[in-house]
C-alpha atoms as a PDB file:
ATOM      1  CA  GLN A   1      -9.456  34.261  20.228  1.00  0.00           C
ATOM      2  CA  VAL A   2      -5.737  34.476  20.914  1.00  0.00           C
ATOM      3  CA  SER A   3      -3.353  35.689  18.262  1.00  0.00           C
ATOM      4  CA  LEU A   4       0.299  34.681  18.460  1.00  0.00           C
ATOM      5  CA  LEU A   5       2.813  36.938  16.779  1.00  0.00           C
ATOM      6  CA  LEU A   6       6.486  36.025  16.513  1.00  0.00           C
ATOM      7  CA  ASP A   7       9.594  38.036  15.690  1.00  0.00           C
ATOM      8  CA  LEU A   8      11.595  35.426  13.746  1.00  0.00           C
ATOM      9  CA  SER A   9      13.977  37.678  11.878  1.00  0.00           C
ATOM     10  CA  GLY A  10      15.116  39.943  14.704  1.00  0.00           C
ATOM     11  CA  SER A  11      13.996  42.969  12.710  1.00  0.00           C
ATOM     12  CA  GLY A  12      11.373  44.040  15.204  1.00  0.00           C
ATOM     13  CA  ARG A  13       8.495  43.076  12.914  1.00  0.00           C
ATOM     14  CA  THR A  14       6.135  40.366  14.041  1.00  0.00           C
ATOM     15  CA  THR A  15       4.627  37.737  11.805  1.00  0.00           C
ATOM     16  CA  ALA A  16       1.847  35.282  12.353  1.00  0.00           C
ATOM     17  CA  PRO A  17       2.905  31.610  12.208  1.00  0.00           C
ATOM     18  CA  THR A  18       1.747  29.742   9.154  1.00  0.00           C
ATOM     19  CA  ILE A  19      -0.216  26.557   9.378  1.00  0.00           C
ATOM     20  CA  MET A  20       0.836  23.867   6.923  1.00  0.00           C
ATOM     21  CA  PRO A  21      -1.919  22.153   4.956  1.00  0.00           C
ATOM     22  CA  SER A  22      -2.599  18.548   5.918  1.00  0.00           C
ATOM     23  CA  ASN A  23      -1.235  17.275   2.598  1.00  0.00           C
ATOM     24  CA  HIS A  24       2.001  19.273   2.878  1.00  0.00           C
ATOM     25  CA  PHE A  25       4.173  16.219   3.494  1.00  0.00           C
ATOM     26  CA  LYS A  26       2.474  14.282   0.702  1.00  0.00           C
ATOM     27  CA  LEU A  27       3.394  17.055  -1.707  1.00  0.00           C
ATOM     28  CA  MET A  28       7.040  16.885  -0.640  1.00  0.00           C
ATOM     29  CA  ARG A  29       7.410  13.101  -1.063  1.00  0.00           C
ATOM     30  CA  ASN A  30      10.778  11.724  -1.900  1.00  0.00           C
ATOM     31  CA  PRO A  31      10.692  10.384  -5.486  1.00  0.00           C
ATOM     32  CA  TRP A  32      12.897   7.444  -4.447  1.00  0.00           C
ATOM     33  CA  GLU A  33      10.408   6.401  -1.760  1.00  0.00           C
ATOM     34  CA  VAL A  34       8.673   3.942  -4.103  1.00  0.00           C
ATOM     35  CA  TYR A  35      11.954   2.032  -4.534  1.00  0.00           C
ATOM     36  CA  LEU A  36      13.051   2.144  -0.896  1.00  0.00           C
ATOM     37  CA  GLY A  37      11.676   0.195   2.029  1.00  0.00           C
ATOM     38  CA  ASP A  38      10.111  -3.015   0.826  1.00  0.00           C
ATOM     39  CA  CYS A  39       9.917  -1.733  -2.773  1.00  0.00           C
ATOM     40  CA  GLY A  40       6.151  -1.787  -3.020  1.00  0.00           C
ATOM     41  CA  VAL A  41       6.264  -0.994  -6.734  1.00  0.00           C
ATOM     42  CA  ILE A  42       7.457  -4.494  -7.608  1.00  0.00           C
ATOM     43  CA  SER A  43       5.106  -6.188  -5.142  1.00  0.00           C
ATOM     44  CA  LYS A  44       2.157  -4.199  -6.453  1.00  0.00           C
ATOM     45  CA  TYR A  45       3.058  -4.986 -10.068  1.00  0.00           C
ATOM     46  CA  LEU A  46       3.391  -8.724  -9.422  1.00  0.00           C
ATOM     47  CA  SER A  47       0.392  -8.996  -7.076  1.00  0.00           C
ATOM     48  CA  ASN A  48      -2.162  -9.557  -9.838  1.00  0.00           C
ATOM     49  CA  LYS A  49       0.067 -11.773 -11.998  1.00  0.00           C
ATOM     50  CA  PRO A  50      -0.596 -15.537 -11.722  1.00  0.00           C
ATOM     51  CA  LEU A  51       2.225 -17.437 -10.049  1.00  0.00           C
ATOM     52  CA  TYR A  52       2.104 -20.566 -12.195  1.00  0.00           C
ATOM     53  CA  SER A  53       2.325 -19.060 -15.656  1.00  0.00           C
ATOM     54  CA  ARG A  54       4.910 -17.152 -17.626  1.00  0.00           C
ATOM     55  CA  TRP A  55       5.201 -14.910 -14.528  1.00  0.00           C
ATOM     56  CA  PHE A  56       6.842 -17.680 -12.484  1.00  0.00           C
ATOM     57  CA  LEU A  57      10.386 -16.457 -13.238  1.00  0.00           C
ATOM     58  CA  PRO A  58       9.739 -12.808 -12.209  1.00  0.00           C
ATOM     59  CA  HIS A  59       8.051 -14.030  -9.013  1.00  0.00           C
ATOM     60  CA  ALA A  60      10.974 -16.370  -8.271  1.00  0.00           C
ATOM     61  CA  VAL A  61      13.568 -13.639  -8.942  1.00  0.00           C
ATOM     62  CA  ASN A  62      11.646 -11.249  -6.678  1.00  0.00           C
ATOM     63  CA  VAL A  63      11.598 -13.806  -3.844  1.00  0.00           C
ATOM     64  CA  TYR A  64      15.258 -14.743  -4.409  1.00  0.00           C
ATOM     65  CA  LEU A  65      16.500 -11.136  -4.351  1.00  0.00           C
ATOM     66  CA  ARG A  66      14.459 -10.389  -1.235  1.00  0.00           C
ATOM     67  CA  ALA A  67      15.982 -13.486   0.397  1.00  0.00           C
ATOM     68  CA  VAL A  68      19.513 -12.300  -0.468  1.00  0.00           C
ATOM     69  CA  GLY A  69      18.885  -9.081   1.450  1.00  0.00           C
ATOM     70  CA  GLN A  70      17.318 -10.723   4.504  1.00  0.00           C
ATOM     71  CA  PRO A  71      20.602 -11.248   6.440  1.00  0.00           C
ATOM     72  CA  ALA A  72      21.166  -7.484   6.214  1.00  0.00           C
ATOM     73  CA  PHE A  73      17.521  -6.797   7.245  1.00  0.00           C
ATOM     74  CA  VAL A  74      16.704  -5.536   3.748  1.00  0.00           C
ATOM     75  CA  ASN A  75      13.402  -6.708   2.258  1.00  0.00           C
ATOM     76  CA  ASN A  76      14.012  -5.081  -1.095  1.00  0.00           C
ATOM     77  CA  PRO A  77      14.774  -6.841  -4.387  1.00  0.00           C
ATOM     78  CA  LEU A  78      16.773  -3.900  -5.780  1.00  0.00           C
ATOM     79  CA  LEU A  79      19.097  -3.825  -2.789  1.00  0.00           C
ATOM     80  CA  GLY A  80      19.244  -7.632  -2.890  1.00  0.00           C
ATOM     81  CA  LEU A  81      20.516  -7.291  -6.457  1.00  0.00           C
ATOM     82  CA  ILE A  82      23.186  -4.829  -5.303  1.00  0.00           C
ATOM     83  CA  ILE A  83      24.247  -7.229  -2.531  1.00  0.00           C
ATOM     84  CA  ASN A  84      24.360 -10.091  -5.030  1.00  0.00           C
ATOM     85  CA  ILE A  85      26.506  -8.054  -7.437  1.00  0.00           C
ATOM     86  CA  ALA A  86      28.821  -7.166  -4.543  1.00  0.00           C
ATOM     87  CA  LEU A  87      29.206 -10.860  -3.708  1.00  0.00           C
ATOM     88  CA  TYR A  88      30.157 -11.606  -7.325  1.00  0.00           C
ATOM     89  CA  LEU A  89      32.635  -8.720  -7.353  1.00  0.00           C
ATOM     90  CA  TYR A  90      34.212  -9.936  -4.135  1.00  0.00           C
ATOM     91  CA  GLN A  91      34.636 -13.497  -5.387  1.00  0.00           C
ATOM     92  CA  TRP A  92      32.639 -15.199  -8.109  1.00  0.00           C
ATOM     93  CA  GLN A  93      32.520 -18.474  -6.152  1.00  0.00           C
ATOM     94  CA  VAL A  94      30.769 -16.723  -3.264  1.00  0.00           C
ATOM     95  CA  GLY A  95      28.255 -15.174  -5.657  1.00  0.00           C
ATOM     96  CA  LEU A  96      27.657 -18.543  -7.301  1.00  0.00           C
ATOM     97  CA  GLY A  97      27.164 -20.172  -3.898  1.00  0.00           C
ATOM     98  CA  CYS A  98      24.632 -17.497  -2.998  1.00  0.00           C
ATOM     99  CA  LEU A  99      22.849 -18.038  -6.318  1.00  0.00           C
ATOM    100  CA  LEU A 100      22.712 -21.820  -5.906  1.00  0.00           C
ATOM    101  CA  GLY A 101      21.725 -21.774  -2.229  1.00  0.00           C
ATOM    102  CA  GLY A 102      19.181 -19.012  -2.648  1.00  0.00           C
ATOM    103  CA  GLY A 103      17.801 -20.562  -5.832  1.00  0.00           C
ATOM    104  CA  VAL A 104      17.247 -23.939  -4.194  1.00  0.00           C
ATOM    105  CA  ALA A 105      15.674 -22.286  -1.146  1.00  0.00           C
ATOM    106  CA  THR A 106      13.387 -20.193  -3.342  1.00  0.00           C
ATOM    107  CA  ILE A 107      12.170 -23.093  -5.467  1.00  0.00           C
ATOM    108  CA  THR A 108      11.624 -25.527  -2.585  1.00  0.00           C
END
């Protein structure tokens, strides 16, 4: 058995390195992680909802907002909403064009 002792502080005292538990990084998860990436929270919520029912509009909005973000390589409906708002703030005609084009593409 080999013991490794390190002087990390420069004080002359040696300490044994600590071993992190396997779930250390799970404990330190970023709380925003569920909304980043592909926003799995929305996909998971809509996964068990029937498409052709009163849930059609939320499914369509989810697909539309993901499609808005695709040119920027963003598969996230929340960031798609931010991009869509930015298009409307830039010029309302551009935002309307995005809404019409994306809406037709989503429905067909």
